[in-house]
C-alpha atoms as a PDB file:
ATOM      1  CA  UNK A   1     270.296  74.967  78.338  1.00  0.00           C
ATOM      2  CA  UNK A   2     270.673  75.883  74.662  1.00  0.00           C
ATOM      3  CA  UNK A   3     269.822  73.196  72.141  1.00  0.00           C
ATOM      4  CA  UNK A   4     272.735  71.492  70.342  1.00  0.00           C
ATOM      5  CA  UNK A   5     273.415  72.322  66.721  1.00  0.00           C
ATOM      6  CA  UNK A   6     272.310  69.711  64.186  1.00  0.00           C
ATOM      7  CA  UNK A   7     274.725  69.074  61.300  1.00  0.00           C
ATOM      8  CA  UNK A   8     275.217  72.044  58.951  1.00  0.00           C
ATOM      9  CA  UNK A   9     272.875  74.257  60.957  1.00  0.00           C
ATOM     10  CA  UNK A  10     273.096  77.973  61.578  1.00  0.00           C
ATOM     11  CA  UNK A  11     271.583  79.749  64.584  1.00  0.00           C
ATOM     12  CA  UNK A  12     270.264  83.170  63.594  1.00  0.00           C
ATOM     13  CA  UNK A  13     268.826  85.592  66.133  1.00  0.00           C
ATOM     14  CA  UNK A  14     266.514  88.323  64.843  1.00  0.00           C
ATOM     15  CA  UNK A  15     265.910  90.976  67.486  1.00  0.00           C
ATOM     16  CA  UNK A  16     264.568  94.520  67.682  1.00  0.00           C
ATOM     17  CA  UNK A  17     266.740  95.786  70.545  1.00  0.00           C
ATOM     18  CA  UNK A  18     264.827  99.067  71.047  1.00  0.00           C
ATOM     19  CA  UNK A  19     267.865 101.244  70.366  1.00  0.00           C
ATOM     20  CA  UNK A  20     269.837  99.468  73.143  1.00  0.00           C
ATOM     21  CA  UNK A  21     267.918 101.736  75.480  1.00  0.00           C
ATOM     22  CA  UNK A  22     266.322  99.365  77.970  1.00  0.00           C
ATOM     23  CA  UNK A  23     268.022  97.039  80.472  1.00  0.00           C
ATOM     24  CA  UNK A  24     271.328  96.322  78.747  1.00  0.00           C
ATOM     25  CA  UNK A  25     272.379  93.598  81.150  1.00  0.00           C
ATOM     26  CA  UNK A  26     269.077  91.764  80.657  1.00  0.00           C
ATOM     27  CA  UNK A  27     269.461  92.094  76.880  1.00  0.00           C
ATOM     28  CA  UNK A  28     272.993  90.689  77.015  1.00  0.00           C
ATOM     29  CA  UNK A  29     271.794  87.704  79.066  1.00  0.00           C
ATOM     30  CA  UNK A  30     269.056  86.961  76.520  1.00  0.00           C
ATOM     31  CA  UNK A  31     271.418  87.111  73.544  1.00  0.00           C
ATOM     32  CA  UNK A  32     274.135  85.043  75.217  1.00  0.00           C
ATOM     33  CA  UNK A  33     271.594  82.404  76.250  1.00  0.00           C
ATOM     34  CA  UNK A  34     270.440  82.160  72.615  1.00  0.00           C
ATOM     35  CA  UNK A  35     274.070  81.655  71.494  1.00  0.00           C
ATOM     36  CA  UNK A  36     273.569  82.873  67.908  1.00  0.00           C
ATOM     37  CA  UNK A  37     276.052  82.388  65.097  1.00  0.00           C
ATOM     38  CA  UNK A  38     274.596  85.510  63.464  1.00  0.00           C
ATOM     39  CA  UNK A  39     272.465  88.219  65.043  1.00  0.00           C
ATOM     40  CA  UNK A  40     270.324  90.403  62.768  1.00  0.00           C
ATOM     41  CA  UNK A  41     269.444  93.562  64.677  1.00  0.00           C
ATOM     42  CA  UNK A  42     266.655  96.047  64.218  1.00  0.00           C
ATOM     43  CA  UNK A  43     266.703  99.413  65.991  1.00  0.00           C
ATOM     44  CA  UNK A  44     270.429  99.303  66.606  1.00  0.00           C
ATOM     45  CA  UNK A  45     271.730 102.398  68.434  1.00  0.00           C
ATOM     46  CA  UNK A  46     272.250 105.464  66.246  1.00  0.00           C
ATOM     47  CA  UNK A  47     273.116 109.167  66.361  1.00  0.00           C
ATOM     48  CA  UNK A  48     276.411 110.237  67.946  1.00  0.00           C
ATOM     49  CA  UNK A  49     279.077 107.576  68.108  1.00  0.00           C
ATOM     50  CA  UNK A  50     276.985 105.074  66.159  1.00  0.00           C
ATOM     51  CA  UNK A  51     279.775 102.625  65.307  1.00  0.00           C
ATOM     52  CA  UNK A  52     281.298 102.869  68.762  1.00  0.00           C
ATOM     53  CA  UNK A  53     277.929 102.122  70.387  1.00  0.00           C
ATOM     54  CA  UNK A  54     277.260  99.187  68.081  1.00  0.00           C
ATOM     55  CA  UNK A  55     280.676  97.670  68.689  1.00  0.00           C
ATOM     56  CA  UNK A  56     280.174  98.098  72.430  1.00  0.00           C
ATOM     57  CA  UNK A  57     276.731  96.499  72.232  1.00  0.00           C
ATOM     58  CA  UNK A  58     278.084  93.563  70.211  1.00  0.00           C
ATOM     59  CA  UNK A  59     280.884  93.050  72.742  1.00  0.00           C
ATOM     60  CA  UNK A  60     278.344  92.645  75.568  1.00  0.00           C
ATOM     61  CA  UNK A  61     276.790  89.824  73.530  1.00  0.00           C
ATOM     62  CA  UNK A  62     280.132  88.150  72.784  1.00  0.00           C
ATOM     63  CA  UNK A  63     279.728  89.026  69.079  1.00  0.00           C
ATOM     64  CA  UNK A  64     281.395  91.248  66.468  1.00  0.00           C
ATOM     65  CA  UNK A  65     279.723  94.209  64.750  1.00  0.00           C
ATOM     66  CA  UNK A  66     280.135  93.709  61.010  1.00  0.00           C
ATOM     67  CA  UNK A  67     277.795  95.803  58.857  1.00  0.00           C
ATOM     68  CA  UNK A  68     274.767  98.080  59.040  1.00  0.00           C
ATOM     69  CA  UNK A  69     272.270 100.188  57.137  1.00  0.00           C
ATOM     70  CA  UNK A  70     270.019 102.756  58.779  1.00  0.00           C
ATOM     71  CA  UNK A  71     269.004 101.118  62.094  1.00  0.00           C
ATOM     72  CA  UNK A  72     269.677  97.526  60.999  1.00  0.00           C
ATOM     73  CA  UNK A  73     272.920  95.738  61.829  1.00  0.00           C
ATOM     74  CA  UNK A  74     274.630  92.373  61.431  1.00  0.00           C
ATOM     75  CA  UNK A  75     276.620  90.890  64.319  1.00  0.00           C
ATOM     76  CA  UNK A  76     278.517  87.611  64.049  1.00  0.00           C
ATOM     77  CA  UNK A  77     280.270  85.095  66.264  1.00  0.00           C
ATOM     78  CA  UNK A  78     284.031  84.757  65.886  1.00  0.00           C
ATOM     79  CA  UNK A  79     283.644  81.476  64.018  1.00  0.00           C
ATOM     80  CA  UNK A  80     281.434  82.964  61.299  1.00  0.00           C
ATOM     81  CA  UNK A  81     282.512  84.635  58.058  1.00  0.00           C
ATOM     82  CA  UNK A  82     279.883  86.795  56.381  1.00  0.00           C
ATOM     83  CA  UNK A  83     281.157  87.764  52.950  1.00  0.00           C
ATOM     84  CA  UNK A  84     280.336  90.609  50.586  1.00  0.00           C
ATOM     85  CA  UNK A  85     277.932  92.409  52.918  1.00  0.00           C
ATOM     86  CA  UNK A  86     275.498  94.635  51.060  1.00  0.00           C
ATOM     87  CA  UNK A  87     273.656  97.534  52.641  1.00  0.00           C
ATOM     88  CA  UNK A  88     271.175  99.814  50.999  1.00  0.00           C
ATOM     89  CA  UNK A  89     268.825 102.609  51.908  1.00  0.00           C
ATOM     90  CA  UNK A  90     265.183 102.109  51.014  1.00  0.00           C
ATOM     91  CA  UNK A  91     262.743 104.858  50.169  1.00  0.00           C
ATOM     92  CA  UNK A  92     259.935 105.477  52.624  1.00  0.00           C
ATOM     93  CA  UNK A  93     257.489 108.350  53.078  1.00  0.00           C
ATOM     94  CA  UNK A  94     259.000 110.985  55.360  1.00  0.00           C
ATOM     95  CA  UNK A  95     255.605 111.824  56.821  1.00  0.00           C
ATOM     96  CA  UNK A  96     253.128 109.286  58.147  1.00  0.00           C
ATOM     97  CA  UNK A  97     249.497 110.358  58.337  1.00  0.00           C
ATOM     98  CA  UNK A  98     246.732 108.454  60.063  1.00  0.00           C
ATOM     99  CA  UNK A  99     243.452 110.207  60.699  1.00  0.00           C
ATOM    100  CA  UNK A 100     244.586 113.499  62.273  1.00  0.00           C
ATOM    101  CA  UNK A 101     247.872 112.110  63.513  1.00  0.00           C
ATOM    102  CA  UNK A 102     251.010 113.206  61.627  1.00  0.00           C
ATOM    103  CA  UNK A 103     254.504 111.939  62.413  1.00  0.00           C
ATOM    104  CA  UNK A 104     257.870 111.863  60.677  1.00  0.00           C
ATOM    105  CA  UNK A 105     259.712 108.617  59.935  1.00  0.00           C
ATOM    106  CA  UNK A 106     263.435 107.972  59.996  1.00  0.00           C
ATOM    107  CA  UNK A 107     265.070 106.727  56.768  1.00  0.00           C
ATOM    108  CA  UNK A 108     264.755 103.010  56.106  1.00  0.00           C
ATOM    109  CA  UNK A 109     267.364 100.477  55.132  1.00  0.00           C
ATOM    110  CA  UNK A 110     268.333  96.840  54.864  1.00  0.00           C
ATOM    111  CA  UNK A 111     271.609  94.973  55.227  1.00  0.00           C
ATOM    112  CA  UNK A 112     272.735  91.425  54.530  1.00  0.00           C
ATOM    113  CA  UNK A 113     275.525  89.154  53.467  1.00  0.00           C
ATOM    114  CA  UNK A 114     276.343  85.583  52.480  1.00  0.00           C
ATOM    115  CA  UNK A 115     277.376  82.796  54.838  1.00  0.00           C
ATOM    116  CA  UNK A 116     278.187  79.139  54.241  1.00  0.00           C
ATOM    117  CA  UNK A 117     275.802  76.524  55.603  1.00  0.00           C
ATOM    118  CA  UNK A 118     277.167  73.052  55.003  1.00  0.00           C
ATOM    119  CA  UNK A 119     278.527  73.255  51.468  1.00  0.00           C
ATOM    120  CA  UNK A 120     276.165  75.967  50.204  1.00  0.00           C
ATOM    121  CA  UNK A 121     275.988  79.736  50.440  1.00  0.00           C
ATOM    122  CA  UNK A 122     272.959  81.409  51.979  1.00  0.00           C
ATOM    123  CA  UNK A 123     272.161  85.121  52.166  1.00  0.00           C
ATOM    124  CA  UNK A 124     270.906  86.615  55.428  1.00  0.00           C
ATOM    125  CA  UNK A 125     269.038  89.925  55.206  1.00  0.00           C
ATOM    126  CA  UNK A 126     267.474  92.126  57.888  1.00  0.00           C
ATOM    127  CA  UNK A 127     265.082  95.047  57.464  1.00  0.00           C
ATOM    128  CA  UNK A 128     262.778  97.243  59.526  1.00  0.00           C
ATOM    129  CA  UNK A 129     259.712  98.411  57.633  1.00  0.00           C
ATOM    130  CA  UNK A 130     257.991 101.711  58.351  1.00  0.00           C
ATOM    131  CA  UNK A 131     254.698 102.724  59.926  1.00  0.00           C
ATOM    132  CA  UNK A 132     252.976 103.855  56.711  1.00  0.00           C
ATOM    133  CA  UNK A 133     250.887 100.972  55.333  1.00  0.00           C
ATOM    134  CA  UNK A 134     251.394 101.882  51.668  1.00  0.00           C
ATOM    135  CA  UNK A 135     255.009 102.811  52.266  1.00  0.00           C
ATOM    136  CA  UNK A 136     255.724  99.380  53.746  1.00  0.00           C
ATOM    137  CA  UNK A 137     254.650  97.656  50.551  1.00  0.00           C
ATOM    138  CA  UNK A 138     256.957  99.860  48.489  1.00  0.00           C
ATOM    139  CA  UNK A 139     259.807  99.290  50.954  1.00  0.00           C
ATOM    140  CA  UNK A 140     259.343  95.531  50.783  1.00  0.00           C
ATOM    141  CA  UNK A 141     259.746  95.478  46.996  1.00  0.00           C
ATOM    142  CA  UNK A 142     263.083  97.239  47.398  1.00  0.00           C
ATOM    143  CA  UNK A 143     264.160  94.767  50.081  1.00  0.00           C
ATOM    144  CA  UNK A 144     263.167  91.768  47.942  1.00  0.00           C
ATOM    145  CA  UNK A 145     265.206  93.118  45.020  1.00  0.00           C
ATOM    146  CA  UNK A 146     268.190  93.280  47.342  1.00  0.00           C
ATOM    147  CA  UNK A 147     267.584  89.723  48.556  1.00  0.00           C
ATOM    148  CA  UNK A 148     267.460  88.420  44.996  1.00  0.00           C
ATOM    149  CA  UNK A 149     270.672  90.257  44.094  1.00  0.00           C
ATOM    150  CA  UNK A 150     272.715  87.793  46.151  1.00  0.00           C
ATOM    151  CA  UNK A 151     271.813  85.021  43.694  1.00  0.00           C
ATOM    152  CA  UNK A 152     271.480  82.445  46.491  1.00  0.00           C
ATOM    153  CA  UNK A 153     268.728  81.112  48.748  1.00  0.00           C
ATOM    154  CA  UNK A 154     268.051  83.690  51.448  1.00  0.00           C
ATOM    155  CA  UNK A 155     266.559  84.265  54.865  1.00  0.00           C
ATOM    156  CA  UNK A 156     264.781  87.588  55.365  1.00  0.00           C
ATOM    157  CA  UNK A 157     264.005  88.714  58.893  1.00  0.00           C
ATOM    158  CA  UNK A 158     262.800  91.926  60.426  1.00  0.00           C
ATOM    159  CA  UNK A 159     260.297  94.083  62.200  1.00  0.00           C
ATOM    160  CA  UNK A 160     257.513  94.238  59.612  1.00  0.00           C
ATOM    161  CA  UNK A 161     255.296  96.561  61.671  1.00  0.00           C
ATOM    162  CA  UNK A 162     252.118  94.731  60.703  1.00  0.00           C
ATOM    163  CA  UNK A 163     250.347  91.497  61.583  1.00  0.00           C
ATOM    164  CA  UNK A 164     250.201  88.428  59.285  1.00  0.00           C
ATOM    165  CA  UNK A 165     246.837  89.427  57.803  1.00  0.00           C
ATOM    166  CA  UNK A 166     248.469  92.492  56.222  1.00  0.00           C
ATOM    167  CA  UNK A 167     249.601  93.055  52.622  1.00  0.00           C
ATOM    168  CA  UNK A 168     253.324  92.759  53.373  1.00  0.00           C
ATOM    169  CA  UNK A 169     252.935  89.210  54.681  1.00  0.00           C
ATOM    170  CA  UNK A 170     250.730  88.305  51.713  1.00  0.00           C
ATOM    171  CA  UNK A 171     253.380  89.641  49.331  1.00  0.00           C
ATOM    172  CA  UNK A 172     256.055  87.543  51.034  1.00  0.00           C
ATOM    173  CA  UNK A 173     253.884  84.461  50.532  1.00  0.00           C
ATOM    174  CA  UNK A 174     253.376  85.368  46.862  1.00  0.00           C
ATOM    175  CA  UNK A 175     257.155  85.516  46.527  1.00  0.00           C
ATOM    176  CA  UNK A 176     257.213  81.847  47.574  1.00  0.00           C
ATOM    177  CA  UNK A 177     258.907  82.452  50.916  1.00  0.00           C
ATOM    178  CA  UNK A 178     258.188  80.188  53.874  1.00  0.00           C
ATOM    179  CA  UNK A 179     256.991  81.779  57.119  1.00  0.00           C
ATOM    180  CA  UNK A 180     259.214  80.079  59.679  1.00  0.00           C
ATOM    181  CA  UNK A 181     257.496  81.749  62.614  1.00  0.00           C
ATOM    182  CA  UNK A 182     253.928  80.743  61.791  1.00  0.00           C
ATOM    183  CA  UNK A 183     253.653  78.777  65.037  1.00  0.00           C
ATOM    184  CA  UNK A 184     255.964  80.931  67.134  1.00  0.00           C
ATOM    185  CA  UNK A 185     253.319  83.164  68.705  1.00  0.00           C
ATOM    186  CA  UNK A 186     253.118  86.938  69.243  1.00  0.00           C
ATOM    187  CA  UNK A 187     256.296  89.027  69.323  1.00  0.00           C
ATOM    188  CA  UNK A 188     255.019  92.409  70.559  1.00  0.00           C
ATOM    189  CA  UNK A 189     254.973  93.728  73.150  1.00  0.00           C
ATOM    190  CA  UNK A 190     257.426  91.773  75.259  1.00  0.00           C
ATOM    191  CA  UNK A 191     255.588  92.595  78.473  1.00  0.00           C
ATOM    192  CA  UNK A 192     252.172  91.581  77.084  1.00  0.00           C
ATOM    193  CA  UNK A 193     252.587  89.777  73.743  1.00  0.00           C
ATOM    194  CA  UNK A 194     249.478  90.310  71.625  1.00  0.00           C
ATOM    195  CA  UNK A 195     250.657  90.790  68.028  1.00  0.00           C
ATOM    196  CA  UNK A 196     253.074  89.020  65.707  1.00  0.00           C
ATOM    197  CA  UNK A 197     254.795  91.829  63.825  1.00  0.00           C
ATOM    198  CA  UNK A 198     258.310  90.329  63.532  1.00  0.00           C
ATOM    199  CA  UNK A 199     258.927  87.928  60.680  1.00  0.00           C
ATOM    200  CA  UNK A 200     261.383  85.268  59.526  1.00  0.00           C
ATOM    201  CA  UNK A 201     260.880  84.160  55.917  1.00  0.00           C
ATOM    202  CA  UNK A 202     263.068  81.716  53.994  1.00  0.00           C
ATOM    203  CA  UNK A 203     263.510  80.663  50.406  1.00  0.00           C
ATOM    204  CA  UNK A 204     261.882  77.272  49.712  1.00  0.00           C
ATOM    205  CA  UNK A 205     265.339  75.712  49.176  1.00  0.00           C
ATOM    206  CA  UNK A 206     265.997  76.251  52.887  1.00  0.00           C
ATOM    207  CA  UNK A 207     264.434  74.647  55.889  1.00  0.00           C
ATOM    208  CA  UNK A 208     264.332  75.932  59.387  1.00  0.00           C
ATOM    209  CA  UNK A 209     262.315  76.521  62.494  1.00  0.00           C
ATOM    210  CA  UNK A 210     261.937  79.089  65.245  1.00  0.00           C
ATOM    211  CA  UNK A 211     263.340  77.707  68.481  1.00  0.00           C
ATOM    212  CA  UNK A 212     261.997  78.546  71.930  1.00  0.00           C
ATOM    213  CA  UNK A 213     263.977  81.152  73.827  1.00  0.00           C
ATOM    214  CA  UNK A 214     265.875  79.496  76.705  1.00  0.00           C
ATOM    215  CA  UNK A 215     263.707  79.446  79.788  1.00  0.00           C
ATOM    216  CA  UNK A 216     266.373  80.768  82.133  1.00  0.00           C
ATOM    217  CA  UNK A 217     266.044  84.254  80.606  1.00  0.00           C
ATOM    218  CA  UNK A 218     262.230  84.404  80.529  1.00  0.00           C
ATOM    219  CA  UNK A 219     262.176  87.074  83.238  1.00  0.00           C
ATOM    220  CA  UNK A 220     264.716  89.163  81.313  1.00  0.00           C
ATOM    221  CA  UNK A 221     262.655  89.406  78.116  1.00  0.00           C
ATOM    222  CA  UNK A 222     260.300  92.246  79.204  1.00  0.00           C
ATOM    223  CA  UNK A 223     263.280  94.205  80.535  1.00  0.00           C
ATOM    224  CA  UNK A 224     265.569  93.696  77.557  1.00  0.00           C
ATOM    225  CA  UNK A 225     263.445  95.245  74.776  1.00  0.00           C
ATOM    226  CA  UNK A 226     259.856  95.990  73.808  1.00  0.00           C
ATOM    227  CA  UNK A 227     259.988  93.149  71.238  1.00  0.00           C
ATOM    228  CA  UNK A 228     260.546  89.431  71.701  1.00  0.00           C
ATOM    229  CA  UNK A 229     263.395  87.856  69.705  1.00  0.00           C
ATOM    230  CA  UNK A 230     263.151  85.150  67.065  1.00  0.00           C
ATOM    231  CA  UNK A 231     265.794  82.420  67.362  1.00  0.00           C
ATOM    232  CA  UNK A 232     265.981  80.591  64.052  1.00  0.00           C
ATOM    233  CA  UNK A 233     267.665  77.278  63.283  1.00  0.00           C
ATOM    234  CA  UNK A 234     268.455  77.299  59.586  1.00  0.00           C
ATOM    235  CA  UNK A 235     269.778  74.526  57.370  1.00  0.00           C
ATOM    236  CA  UNK A 236     269.513  73.180  53.835  1.00  0.00           C
END
C-alpha cells in the first residue's frame, strides 16, 4: 500500500532507469507502486527514436514525458503542471582517465521546472554527474547555477556517481542544502546495495523525507534497474 499524501505534499521519484534496458515490466510495477506526482529520470533511453522511446516508457508508468536534457528527463502525472522547464547541457571531460584505464564519457546535462506545492512554487531539478572526479565538481557548479536561476526553493536529485564522503556531497552541504536521504541507505547496486551514490538535496526552506519503497515490489527492484529509486515526500 502506498502512503497517503499529507496536505500540500508532492511525491517525487528519482530513479536511474539504466536506459530502460532491463526488465521493463518490473520497472513499470515499481514506478506505479510508488505513485509519483513527478518522476525525475536519470539514464533515460537515448539514440534513435529518443522522444518516442521516452513517451512509450512514460506511458508504461502512467505518466507523461515532459522535458529532457542529455540522459535526464522529467515525467509528470496528469494532475501536475510543471511550468517553464529549463534544460541545459553541462561541460564534462570527454575522456576519463584512471590509472591506465581510459574511457569516453557522454555529454552531461540537467533539466528542471517549477511546480506548485501548497501556495508556493518549488523548482525540481535532476542531473547525472560524470565519472571523472574533478569533472564532477565542475559539473555540479553548473547545475547549482541552473538551480538558483529559478529564483525559488529547489529540490536537486540525481546520480552523483560518488559516495557521501566525496567532494560533491561536501559542496552540496556548503551550499546549505539538506540531504534528505541521509538515513535512506545504499542505492547501488540494486542486487547488492553497498554504496549510496544517488542523492536528494533540498533548499532549507523545504522539508521532506525519503519514503520506503512499497514492499510489494521488493522482488522487482533488482530486475528493474541497477540502481534503487528514491521516493521523496516534499512539502513546505
